[in-house]
Amino acid sequence: TDRIVTKPSWTAYEATPGQIVIDIDPQMAFGTGEHATTRGCLRLLDEVIREGDRVLDVGSGSGILSVAAARLGAAEVLAVEYDPDANLNARENLAHNGVEGQVRLVEALADGAFIAAAGSFDLILANILSGVIRPLLPAFRPALRQGGRLTVSGILQRESADVTQSASAAGFRVAREDREEEWWSALLLPEE
């Protein structure tokens, strides 16, 4: 975005005033900022995050979205990732970007029971496959605080109608869409 720049740590970049530079070194984990789904989620995150938010990052991979949320003003981020190799990379990225005090990384499967036990959130980020997002939508709805927002990504454009239908059934409406290449990301808001 105009405000968020991602780069590997070995590349120099002179930020302009107001820019946030995030160092993410490519390893085994998904999420370096080069994939359209990560970029779509970052664009939506940049638009909707609010100072002091409590954020849940489901399927956090490299930790790029958690780092961005923390650097953009989230008070607390819970990053959940099942893959131990991804978590090794994420821990390095959290430390390298100086946000380990704001981001708590949990190695677990983020299923409905986990989400229900995790408390309530102002913002939920889910950059995972549509086949994983759709069954989690009913758990996401009660996990959002009043005024809460959900961003979903990792969805092929041809799958967007099915995700939209599942979101509607779970009590969400599509407030904003982001399309890049064959990928679809969206901001979902709870129906009033």
N, C-alpha and C. Protein backbone atom coordinates (compact mmCIF):
# COMPACT_ATOMS: atom_id res chain seq x y z
N THR A 1 0.85 -1.18 0.00
CA THR A 1 0.00 0.00 0.00
C THR A 1 0.89 1.23 0.00
N ASP A 2 0.28 2.40 -0.01
CA ASP A 2 1.08 3.61 0.09
C ASP A 2 1.80 3.68 1.44
N ARG A 3 1.22 3.02 2.45
CA ARG A 3 1.75 3.10 3.80
C ARG A 3 2.61 1.90 4.18
N ILE A 4 2.32 0.73 3.65
CA ILE A 4 3.02 -0.50 4.03
C ILE A 4 3.97 -0.94 2.93
N VAL A 5 5.22 -1.18 3.30
CA VAL A 5 6.22 -1.71 2.39
C VAL A 5 6.78 -2.98 3.02
N THR A 6 6.81 -4.07 2.25
CA THR A 6 7.45 -5.29 2.75
C THR A 6 8.69 -5.54 1.91
N LYS A 7 9.72 -6.05 2.58
CA LYS A 7 10.98 -6.31 1.89
C LYS A 7 11.77 -7.34 2.68
N PRO A 8 12.71 -8.03 2.03
CA PRO A 8 13.62 -8.90 2.78
C PRO A 8 14.61 -8.05 3.57
N SER A 9 15.11 -8.58 4.65
CA SER A 9 15.98 -7.81 5.54
C SER A 9 17.28 -7.38 4.87
N TRP A 10 17.73 -8.10 3.85
CA TRP A 10 19.00 -7.77 3.22
C TRP A 10 18.88 -6.68 2.15
N THR A 11 17.66 -6.17 1.93
CA THR A 11 17.46 -5.12 0.94
C THR A 11 17.27 -3.78 1.64
N ALA A 12 17.99 -2.78 1.19
CA ALA A 12 17.86 -1.43 1.77
C ALA A 12 16.65 -0.74 1.15
N TYR A 13 15.97 0.03 1.96
CA TYR A 13 14.82 0.82 1.48
C TYR A 13 14.71 2.07 2.32
N GLU A 14 14.64 3.21 1.68
CA GLU A 14 14.49 4.46 2.40
C GLU A 14 13.02 4.83 2.44
N ALA A 15 12.43 4.72 3.62
CA ALA A 15 11.00 4.98 3.78
C ALA A 15 10.71 6.47 3.70
N THR A 16 9.56 6.77 3.15
CA THR A 16 9.07 8.14 3.16
C THR A 16 8.33 8.36 4.47
N PRO A 17 8.11 9.61 4.87
CA PRO A 17 7.40 9.86 6.12
C PRO A 17 6.02 9.18 6.13
N GLY A 18 5.75 8.47 7.22
CA GLY A 18 4.48 7.78 7.37
C GLY A 18 4.47 6.34 6.87
N GLN A 19 5.52 5.93 6.16
CA GLN A 19 5.57 4.55 5.68
C GLN A 19 6.02 3.62 6.79
N ILE A 20 5.50 2.40 6.74
CA ILE A 20 5.89 1.34 7.67
C ILE A 20 6.59 0.27 6.84
N VAL A 21 7.84 0.02 7.17
CA VAL A 21 8.62 -0.98 6.45
C VAL A 21 8.67 -2.25 7.29
N ILE A 22 8.27 -3.35 6.67
CA ILE A 22 8.23 -4.65 7.34
C ILE A 22 9.25 -5.56 6.66
N ASP A 23 10.18 -6.08 7.46
CA ASP A 23 11.17 -7.02 6.95
C ASP A 23 10.65 -8.44 7.12
N ILE A 24 10.49 -9.13 6.01
CA ILE A 24 10.06 -10.53 6.02
C ILE A 24 11.02 -11.30 5.12
N ASP A 25 11.77 -12.21 5.72
CA ASP A 25 12.70 -13.01 4.93
C ASP A 25 12.01 -14.30 4.45
N PRO A 26 12.05 -14.56 3.15
CA PRO A 26 11.41 -15.76 2.62
C PRO A 26 12.05 -17.03 3.18
N GLN A 27 11.20 -17.90 3.69
CA GLN A 27 11.64 -19.21 4.16
C GLN A 27 10.56 -20.22 3.81
N MET A 28 10.26 -21.13 4.72
CA MET A 28 9.27 -22.17 4.45
C MET A 28 7.84 -21.66 4.59
N ALA A 29 7.62 -20.59 5.33
CA ALA A 29 6.26 -20.13 5.63
C ALA A 29 5.69 -19.29 4.50
N PHE A 30 4.37 -19.35 4.36
CA PHE A 30 3.67 -18.53 3.38
C PHE A 30 3.56 -17.11 3.91
N GLY A 31 3.73 -16.13 3.01
CA GLY A 31 3.48 -14.74 3.38
C GLY A 31 4.72 -13.88 3.37
N THR A 32 5.16 -13.50 2.17
CA THR A 32 6.29 -12.58 2.07
C THR A 32 5.86 -11.23 1.52
N GLY A 33 4.62 -11.16 1.04
CA GLY A 33 4.13 -9.94 0.42
C GLY A 33 4.17 -10.02 -1.09
N GLU A 34 4.71 -11.10 -1.64
CA GLU A 34 4.77 -11.25 -3.09
C GLU A 34 3.53 -11.89 -3.67
N HIS A 35 2.72 -12.58 -2.87
CA HIS A 35 1.53 -13.25 -3.39
C HIS A 35 0.34 -12.31 -3.34
N ALA A 36 -0.52 -12.41 -4.33
CA ALA A 36 -1.68 -11.52 -4.44
C ALA A 36 -2.61 -11.62 -3.23
N THR A 37 -2.71 -12.80 -2.61
CA THR A 37 -3.60 -12.93 -1.45
C THR A 37 -3.06 -12.15 -0.25
N THR A 38 -1.74 -12.20 -0.06
CA THR A 38 -1.13 -11.44 1.03
C THR A 38 -1.29 -9.94 0.77
N ARG A 39 -1.04 -9.53 -0.45
CA ARG A 39 -1.20 -8.10 -0.79
C ARG A 39 -2.64 -7.65 -0.61
N GLY A 40 -3.61 -8.47 -1.03
CA GLY A 40 -5.01 -8.11 -0.86
C GLY A 40 -5.38 -7.96 0.60
N CYS A 41 -4.91 -8.89 1.41
CA CYS A 41 -5.20 -8.82 2.85
C CYS A 41 -4.53 -7.60 3.48
N LEU A 42 -3.30 -7.30 3.07
CA LEU A 42 -2.61 -6.12 3.59
C LEU A 42 -3.33 -4.83 3.21
N ARG A 43 -3.82 -4.76 1.97
CA ARG A 43 -4.56 -3.56 1.55
C ARG A 43 -5.81 -3.37 2.40
N LEU A 44 -6.55 -4.45 2.62
CA LEU A 44 -7.76 -4.35 3.45
C LEU A 44 -7.41 -4.02 4.89
N LEU A 45 -6.38 -4.68 5.42
CA LEU A 45 -5.94 -4.42 6.78
C LEU A 45 -5.58 -2.94 6.96
N ASP A 46 -4.85 -2.40 6.02
CA ASP A 46 -4.43 -1.00 6.09
C ASP A 46 -5.64 -0.06 6.14
N GLU A 47 -6.72 -0.42 5.48
CA GLU A 47 -7.91 0.42 5.45
C GLU A 47 -8.74 0.33 6.73
N VAL A 48 -8.75 -0.83 7.38
CA VAL A 48 -9.74 -1.04 8.45
C VAL A 48 -9.20 -1.13 9.86
N ILE A 49 -7.89 -1.26 10.02
CA ILE A 49 -7.36 -1.39 11.38
C ILE A 49 -7.51 -0.08 12.14
N ARG A 50 -7.75 -0.21 13.43
CA ARG A 50 -7.89 0.96 14.29
C ARG A 50 -6.90 0.85 15.45
N GLU A 51 -6.42 1.99 15.87
CA GLU A 51 -5.50 2.05 17.01
C GLU A 51 -6.13 1.31 18.20
N GLY A 52 -5.36 0.43 18.83
CA GLY A 52 -5.81 -0.28 20.01
C GLY A 52 -6.60 -1.55 19.75
N ASP A 53 -6.77 -1.95 18.49
CA ASP A 53 -7.53 -3.16 18.16
C ASP A 53 -6.91 -4.41 18.79
N ARG A 54 -7.78 -5.36 19.11
CA ARG A 54 -7.34 -6.72 19.44
C ARG A 54 -7.59 -7.54 18.19
N VAL A 55 -6.54 -8.18 17.67
CA VAL A 55 -6.58 -8.82 16.36
C VAL A 55 -6.30 -10.31 16.49
N LEU A 56 -7.03 -11.11 15.71
CA LEU A 56 -6.77 -12.54 15.57
C LEU A 56 -6.31 -12.80 14.15
N ASP A 57 -5.13 -13.40 14.00
CA ASP A 57 -4.58 -13.77 12.68
C ASP A 57 -4.62 -15.28 12.58
N VAL A 58 -5.56 -15.79 11.81
CA VAL A 58 -5.79 -17.23 11.68
C VAL A 58 -4.97 -17.77 10.51
N GLY A 59 -4.12 -18.75 10.79
CA GLY A 59 -3.23 -19.27 9.76
C GLY A 59 -2.15 -18.25 9.45
N SER A 60 -1.41 -17.85 10.49
CA SER A 60 -0.53 -16.68 10.41
C SER A 60 0.72 -16.88 9.56
N GLY A 61 1.09 -18.11 9.23
CA GLY A 61 2.23 -18.34 8.34
C GLY A 61 3.49 -17.63 8.81
N SER A 62 4.05 -16.79 7.96
CA SER A 62 5.29 -16.07 8.28
C SER A 62 5.10 -15.00 9.34
N GLY A 63 3.85 -14.67 9.65
CA GLY A 63 3.56 -13.61 10.62
C GLY A 63 3.43 -12.24 10.00
N ILE A 64 3.45 -12.14 8.67
CA ILE A 64 3.45 -10.83 8.01
C ILE A 64 2.23 -10.00 8.37
N LEU A 65 1.05 -10.61 8.42
CA LEU A 65 -0.16 -9.84 8.75
C LEU A 65 -0.16 -9.43 10.22
N SER A 66 0.34 -10.28 11.08
CA SER A 66 0.44 -9.95 12.51
C SER A 66 1.41 -8.79 12.73
N VAL A 67 2.54 -8.85 12.05
CA VAL A 67 3.52 -7.75 12.15
C VAL A 67 2.88 -6.45 11.66
N ALA A 68 2.22 -6.51 10.50
CA ALA A 68 1.59 -5.31 9.95
C ALA A 68 0.53 -4.76 10.90
N ALA A 69 -0.30 -5.63 11.47
CA ALA A 69 -1.34 -5.17 12.40
C ALA A 69 -0.72 -4.48 13.61
N ALA A 70 0.33 -5.09 14.17
CA ALA A 70 1.00 -4.50 15.33
C ALA A 70 1.63 -3.16 14.97
N ARG A 71 2.30 -3.11 13.84
CA ARG A 71 2.97 -1.87 13.43
C ARG A 71 1.96 -0.78 13.07
N LEU A 72 0.73 -1.17 12.69
CA LEU A 72 -0.32 -0.20 12.36
C LEU A 72 -1.14 0.23 13.57
N GLY A 73 -0.79 -0.27 14.76
CA GLY A 73 -1.43 0.23 15.96
C GLY A 73 -2.26 -0.73 16.77
N ALA A 74 -2.31 -2.01 16.38
CA ALA A 74 -3.05 -2.98 17.19
C ALA A 74 -2.40 -3.08 18.57
N ALA A 75 -3.22 -3.14 19.59
CA ALA A 75 -2.69 -3.28 20.95
C ALA A 75 -2.23 -4.70 21.22
N GLU A 76 -2.94 -5.65 20.62
CA GLU A 76 -2.65 -7.07 20.86
C GLU A 76 -3.03 -7.87 19.64
N VAL A 77 -2.15 -8.79 19.24
CA VAL A 77 -2.42 -9.68 18.12
C VAL A 77 -2.20 -11.11 18.59
N LEU A 78 -3.19 -11.97 18.34
CA LEU A 78 -3.05 -13.40 18.58
C LEU A 78 -2.87 -14.05 17.22
N ALA A 79 -1.67 -14.59 16.98
CA ALA A 79 -1.34 -15.25 15.72
C ALA A 79 -1.41 -16.76 15.94
N VAL A 80 -2.21 -17.43 15.14
CA VAL A 80 -2.42 -18.87 15.30
C VAL A 80 -1.97 -19.58 14.03
N GLU A 81 -1.05 -20.52 14.19
CA GLU A 81 -0.52 -21.27 13.05
C GLU A 81 -0.23 -22.70 13.50
N TYR A 82 -0.66 -23.66 12.71
CA TYR A 82 -0.52 -25.07 13.02
C TYR A 82 0.85 -25.64 12.62
N ASP A 83 1.50 -25.04 11.64
CA ASP A 83 2.74 -25.56 11.07
C ASP A 83 3.95 -25.12 11.90
N PRO A 84 4.67 -26.06 12.54
CA PRO A 84 5.81 -25.68 13.37
C PRO A 84 6.93 -24.99 12.59
N ASP A 85 7.16 -25.38 11.32
CA ASP A 85 8.19 -24.72 10.53
C ASP A 85 7.83 -23.27 10.26
N ALA A 86 6.57 -23.01 9.96
CA ALA A 86 6.12 -21.64 9.75
C ALA A 86 6.30 -20.83 11.03
N ASN A 87 6.05 -21.44 12.16
CA ASN A 87 6.17 -20.72 13.43
C ASN A 87 7.62 -20.35 13.75
N LEU A 88 8.56 -21.18 13.35
CA LEU A 88 9.97 -20.82 13.52
C LEU A 88 10.27 -19.54 12.73
N ASN A 89 9.81 -19.49 11.50
CA ASN A 89 9.99 -18.30 10.65
C ASN A 89 9.26 -17.11 11.25
N ALA A 90 8.03 -17.33 11.71
CA ALA A 90 7.23 -16.24 12.27
C ALA A 90 7.91 -15.64 13.51
N ARG A 91 8.44 -16.49 14.38
CA ARG A 91 9.13 -15.97 15.58
C ARG A 91 10.29 -15.06 15.20
N GLU A 92 11.05 -15.47 14.19
CA GLU A 92 12.15 -14.63 13.71
C GLU A 92 11.63 -13.30 13.17
N ASN A 93 10.55 -13.36 12.40
CA ASN A 93 9.99 -12.14 11.81
C ASN A 93 9.42 -11.21 12.87
N LEU A 94 8.78 -11.77 13.88
CA LEU A 94 8.25 -10.95 14.97
C LEU A 94 9.38 -10.23 15.70
N ALA A 95 10.45 -10.97 16.00
CA ALA A 95 11.59 -10.38 16.70
C ALA A 95 12.29 -9.34 15.83
N HIS A 96 12.49 -9.68 14.56
CA HIS A 96 13.20 -8.78 13.66
C HIS A 96 12.46 -7.45 13.48
N ASN A 97 11.13 -7.49 13.56
CA ASN A 97 10.32 -6.28 13.39
C ASN A 97 9.95 -5.63 14.72
N GLY A 98 10.44 -6.19 15.82
CA GLY A 98 10.26 -5.58 17.14
C GLY A 98 8.83 -5.57 17.67
N VAL A 99 8.06 -6.60 17.32
CA VAL A 99 6.65 -6.63 17.76
C VAL A 99 6.33 -7.84 18.64
N GLU A 100 7.37 -8.53 19.13
CA GLU A 100 7.09 -9.72 19.94
C GLU A 100 6.33 -9.40 21.21
N GLY A 101 6.35 -8.17 21.68
CA GLY A 101 5.57 -7.78 22.85
C GLY A 101 4.09 -7.57 22.56
N GLN A 102 3.75 -7.34 21.30
CA GLN A 102 2.35 -7.11 20.92
C GLN A 102 1.71 -8.35 20.32
N VAL A 103 2.53 -9.26 19.78
CA VAL A 103 2.01 -10.44 19.07
C VAL A 103 2.31 -11.69 19.88
N ARG A 104 1.27 -12.46 20.15
CA ARG A 104 1.43 -13.76 20.82
C ARG A 104 1.20 -14.83 19.77
N LEU A 105 2.21 -15.65 19.53
CA LEU A 105 2.15 -16.72 18.53
C LEU A 105 1.79 -18.02 19.23
N VAL A 106 0.73 -18.66 18.74
CA VAL A 106 0.27 -19.93 19.31
C VAL A 106 0.30 -20.99 18.22
N GLU A 107 0.94 -22.11 18.53
CA GLU A 107 0.96 -23.23 17.60
C GLU A 107 -0.24 -24.12 17.90
N ALA A 108 -1.26 -23.97 17.08
CA ALA A 108 -2.50 -24.71 17.29
C ALA A 108 -3.32 -24.72 16.02
N LEU A 109 -4.30 -25.60 15.99
CA LEU A 109 -5.27 -25.62 14.91
C LEU A 109 -6.37 -24.64 15.27
N ALA A 110 -6.59 -23.66 14.44
CA ALA A 110 -7.62 -22.64 14.73
C ALA A 110 -8.97 -23.13 14.25
N ASP A 111 -9.54 -24.04 15.04
CA ASP A 111 -10.88 -24.52 14.71
C ASP A 111 -11.91 -23.72 15.51
N GLY A 112 -13.17 -24.07 15.38
CA GLY A 112 -14.23 -23.35 16.06
C GLY A 112 -14.06 -23.32 17.56
N ALA A 113 -13.63 -24.43 18.14
CA ALA A 113 -13.45 -24.48 19.60
C ALA A 113 -12.33 -23.55 20.04
N PHE A 114 -11.23 -23.54 19.29
CA PHE A 114 -10.12 -22.64 19.63
C PHE A 114 -10.58 -21.19 19.56
N ILE A 115 -11.26 -20.83 18.48
CA ILE A 115 -11.72 -19.45 18.30
C ILE A 115 -12.67 -19.04 19.42
N ALA A 116 -13.57 -19.92 19.79
CA ALA A 116 -14.53 -19.61 20.86
C ALA A 116 -13.81 -19.38 22.19
N ALA A 117 -12.74 -20.13 22.44
CA ALA A 117 -12.01 -20.01 23.71
C ALA A 117 -11.04 -18.82 23.72
N ALA A 118 -10.75 -18.27 22.55
CA ALA A 118 -9.73 -17.21 22.45
C ALA A 118 -10.24 -15.84 22.88
N GLY A 119 -11.53 -15.69 23.05
CA GLY A 119 -12.08 -14.39 23.46
C GLY A 119 -12.65 -13.63 22.29
N SER A 120 -12.76 -12.33 22.46
CA SER A 120 -13.37 -11.50 21.42
C SER A 120 -12.33 -10.58 20.79
N PHE A 121 -12.60 -10.20 19.54
CA PHE A 121 -11.63 -9.45 18.74
C PHE A 121 -12.31 -8.31 18.01
N ASP A 122 -11.53 -7.27 17.75
CA ASP A 122 -12.00 -6.16 16.92
C ASP A 122 -11.81 -6.47 15.44
N LEU A 123 -10.78 -7.26 15.14
CA LEU A 123 -10.44 -7.56 13.76
C LEU A 123 -9.92 -8.99 13.69
N ILE A 124 -10.45 -9.74 12.72
CA ILE A 124 -9.96 -11.09 12.45
C ILE A 124 -9.43 -11.11 11.03
N LEU A 125 -8.23 -11.67 10.87
CA LEU A 125 -7.58 -11.81 9.57
C LEU A 125 -7.50 -13.29 9.25
N ALA A 126 -8.01 -13.69 8.09
CA ALA A 126 -7.96 -15.10 7.68
C ALA A 126 -7.50 -15.17 6.24
N ASN A 127 -6.20 -15.31 6.04
CA ASN A 127 -5.63 -15.47 4.70
C ASN A 127 -5.28 -16.94 4.56
N ILE A 128 -6.31 -17.73 4.31
CA ILE A 128 -6.18 -19.17 4.20
C ILE A 128 -7.08 -19.62 3.05
N LEU A 129 -7.17 -20.86 2.79
CA LEU A 129 -7.98 -21.35 1.67
C LEU A 129 -9.48 -21.24 1.96
N SER A 130 -10.26 -21.08 0.91
CA SER A 130 -11.71 -20.94 1.08
C SER A 130 -12.32 -22.17 1.75
N GLY A 131 -11.77 -23.35 1.48
CA GLY A 131 -12.26 -24.57 2.10
C GLY A 131 -12.04 -24.61 3.60
N VAL A 132 -11.14 -23.78 4.10
CA VAL A 132 -10.92 -23.66 5.54
C VAL A 132 -11.73 -22.48 6.10
N ILE A 133 -11.81 -21.39 5.34
CA ILE A 133 -12.54 -20.21 5.80
C ILE A 133 -14.03 -20.48 5.96
N ARG A 134 -14.63 -21.10 4.96
CA ARG A 134 -16.10 -21.27 4.97
C ARG A 134 -16.61 -21.96 6.23
N PRO A 135 -16.03 -23.08 6.67
CA PRO A 135 -16.54 -23.71 7.89
C PRO A 135 -16.27 -22.90 9.17
N LEU A 136 -15.29 -21.98 9.12
CA LEU A 136 -14.97 -21.17 10.30
C LEU A 136 -15.85 -19.93 10.43
N LEU A 137 -16.53 -19.54 9.37
CA LEU A 137 -17.34 -18.31 9.41
C LEU A 137 -18.34 -18.28 10.57
N PRO A 138 -19.05 -19.38 10.88
CA PRO A 138 -19.97 -19.33 12.03
C PRO A 138 -19.25 -19.10 13.36
N ALA A 139 -17.99 -19.51 13.47
CA ALA A 139 -17.21 -19.28 14.70
C ALA A 139 -16.67 -17.85 14.74
N PHE A 140 -16.37 -17.28 13.57
CA PHE A 140 -15.85 -15.91 13.52
C PHE A 140 -16.89 -14.90 14.00
N ARG A 141 -18.14 -15.11 13.65
CA ARG A 141 -19.20 -14.12 13.95
C ARG A 141 -19.29 -13.81 15.44
N PRO A 142 -19.45 -14.79 16.34
CA PRO A 142 -19.53 -14.47 17.77
C PRO A 142 -18.21 -14.02 18.39
N ALA A 143 -17.10 -14.25 17.67
CA ALA A 143 -15.79 -13.85 18.19
C ALA A 143 -15.51 -12.37 17.95
N LEU A 144 -16.34 -11.71 17.15
CA LEU A 144 -16.14 -10.29 16.87
C LEU A 144 -16.87 -9.42 17.88
N ARG A 145 -16.17 -8.42 18.37
CA ARG A 145 -16.78 -7.43 19.24
C ARG A 145 -17.71 -6.52 18.44
N GLN A 146 -18.48 -5.71 19.14
CA GLN A 146 -19.31 -4.71 18.48
C GLN A 146 -18.43 -3.85 17.57
N GLY A 147 -18.82 -3.68 16.32
CA GLY A 147 -18.02 -2.92 15.37
C GLY A 147 -16.86 -3.70 14.78
N GLY A 148 -16.83 -5.02 15.02
CA GLY A 148 -15.73 -5.85 14.55
C GLY A 148 -15.72 -6.04 13.04
N ARG A 149 -14.54 -6.38 12.53
CA ARG A 149 -14.33 -6.57 11.10
C ARG A 149 -13.61 -7.89 10.86
N LEU A 150 -13.90 -8.50 9.71
CA LEU A 150 -13.26 -9.75 9.31
C LEU A 150 -12.73 -9.57 7.90
N THR A 151 -11.44 -9.85 7.69
CA THR A 151 -10.90 -9.88 6.33
C THR A 151 -10.59 -11.32 5.98
N VAL A 152 -11.00 -11.70 4.78
CA VAL A 152 -10.74 -13.05 4.29
C VAL A 152 -9.97 -12.94 2.99
N SER A 153 -9.04 -13.86 2.79
CA SER A 153 -8.23 -13.88 1.58
C SER A 153 -7.77 -15.31 1.37
N GLY A 154 -7.07 -15.52 0.24
CA GLY A 154 -6.67 -16.88 -0.11
C GLY A 154 -7.75 -17.57 -0.92
N ILE A 155 -8.64 -16.78 -1.50
CA ILE A 155 -9.83 -17.28 -2.17
C ILE A 155 -9.71 -17.00 -3.67
N LEU A 156 -9.90 -18.02 -4.47
CA LEU A 156 -9.91 -17.82 -5.91
C LEU A 156 -11.18 -17.06 -6.29
N GLN A 157 -11.09 -16.21 -7.32
CA GLN A 157 -12.26 -15.43 -7.73
C GLN A 157 -13.45 -16.33 -8.06
N ARG A 158 -13.18 -17.49 -8.64
CA ARG A 158 -14.29 -18.40 -8.98
C ARG A 158 -14.97 -18.98 -7.72
N GLU A 159 -14.32 -18.89 -6.57
CA GLU A 159 -14.89 -19.38 -5.31
C GLU A 159 -15.60 -18.28 -4.52
N SER A 160 -15.50 -17.03 -4.98
CA SER A 160 -16.00 -15.90 -4.20
C SER A 160 -17.50 -15.96 -3.97
N ALA A 161 -18.27 -16.43 -4.94
CA ALA A 161 -19.73 -16.52 -4.75
C ALA A 161 -20.08 -17.51 -3.64
N ASP A 162 -19.39 -18.63 -3.59
CA ASP A 162 -19.64 -19.62 -2.53
C ASP A 162 -19.25 -19.06 -1.16
N VAL A 163 -18.13 -18.35 -1.09
CA VAL A 163 -17.70 -17.76 0.18
C VAL A 163 -18.71 -16.69 0.59
N THR A 164 -19.14 -15.87 -0.34
CA THR A 164 -20.13 -14.83 -0.04
C THR A 164 -21.42 -15.44 0.48
N GLN A 165 -21.86 -16.53 -0.12
CA GLN A 165 -23.08 -17.22 0.32
C GLN A 165 -22.89 -17.78 1.74
N SER A 166 -21.75 -18.40 2.01
CA SER A 166 -21.48 -18.93 3.35
C SER A 166 -21.37 -17.80 4.37
N ALA A 167 -20.78 -16.69 3.96
CA ALA A 167 -20.66 -15.54 4.85
C ALA A 167 -22.04 -15.00 5.20
N SER A 168 -22.90 -14.89 4.22
CA SER A 168 -24.26 -14.41 4.46
C SER A 168 -25.01 -15.33 5.42
N ALA A 169 -24.86 -16.63 5.22
CA ALA A 169 -25.51 -17.61 6.11
C ALA A 169 -24.99 -17.50 7.54
N ALA A 170 -23.74 -17.05 7.70
CA ALA A 170 -23.14 -16.90 9.03
C ALA A 170 -23.38 -15.51 9.63
N GLY A 171 -24.09 -14.65 8.90
CA GLY A 171 -24.42 -13.34 9.44
C GLY A 171 -23.49 -12.22 9.04
N PHE A 172 -22.79 -12.38 7.91
CA PHE A 172 -21.88 -11.36 7.41
C PHE A 172 -22.37 -10.81 6.08
N ARG A 173 -21.92 -9.60 5.78
CA ARG A 173 -22.11 -9.02 4.44
C ARG A 173 -20.75 -8.58 3.92
N VAL A 174 -20.60 -8.62 2.62
CA VAL A 174 -19.36 -8.17 1.99
C VAL A 174 -19.40 -6.65 1.91
N ALA A 175 -18.48 -6.00 2.59
CA ALA A 175 -18.42 -4.53 2.61
C ALA A 175 -17.44 -3.99 1.58
N ARG A 176 -16.42 -4.78 1.25
CA ARG A 176 -15.41 -4.33 0.30
C ARG A 176 -14.74 -5.56 -0.31
N GLU A 177 -14.39 -5.46 -1.56
CA GLU A 177 -13.70 -6.55 -2.25
C GLU A 177 -12.36 -6.04 -2.78
N ASP A 178 -11.40 -6.94 -2.87
CA ASP A 178 -10.10 -6.65 -3.45
C ASP A 178 -9.80 -7.80 -4.40
N ARG A 179 -9.57 -7.48 -5.65
CA ARG A 179 -9.27 -8.50 -6.66
C ARG A 179 -7.90 -8.23 -7.27
N GLU A 180 -7.11 -9.29 -7.34
CA GLU A 180 -5.81 -9.21 -8.00
C GLU A 180 -5.51 -10.57 -8.60
N GLU A 181 -5.14 -10.54 -9.89
CA GLU A 181 -4.90 -11.77 -10.63
C GLU A 181 -6.14 -12.65 -10.49
N GLU A 182 -5.99 -13.92 -10.12
CA GLU A 182 -7.17 -14.78 -9.99
C GLU A 182 -7.69 -14.84 -8.55
N TRP A 183 -7.20 -13.96 -7.68
CA TRP A 183 -7.50 -14.03 -6.26
C TRP A 183 -8.50 -12.96 -5.82
N TRP A 184 -9.27 -13.32 -4.82
CA TRP A 184 -10.32 -12.46 -4.26
C TRP A 184 -10.11 -12.35 -2.75
N SER A 185 -10.12 -11.15 -2.24
CA SER A 185 -10.07 -10.88 -0.80
C SER A 185 -11.26 -10.00 -0.48
N ALA A 186 -11.72 -10.05 0.76
CA ALA A 186 -12.90 -9.25 1.11
C ALA A 186 -12.89 -8.84 2.56
N LEU A 187 -13.51 -7.70 2.79
CA LEU A 187 -13.83 -7.24 4.13
C LEU A 187 -15.27 -7.64 4.40
N LEU A 188 -15.47 -8.42 5.45
CA LEU A 188 -16.80 -8.86 5.85
C LEU A 188 -17.19 -8.17 7.14
N LEU A 189 -18.39 -7.66 7.18
CA LEU A 189 -18.92 -7.01 8.39
C LEU A 189 -20.15 -7.76 8.86
N PRO A 190 -20.34 -7.87 10.18
CA PRO A 190 -21.53 -8.52 10.69
C PRO A 190 -22.79 -7.77 10.27
N GLU A 191 -23.81 -8.52 9.90
CA GLU A 191 -25.12 -7.91 9.61
C GLU A 191 -25.66 -7.34 10.91
N GLU A 192 -26.26 -6.19 10.82
CA GLU A 192 -26.83 -5.55 12.02
C GLU A 192 -28.15 -6.19 12.38
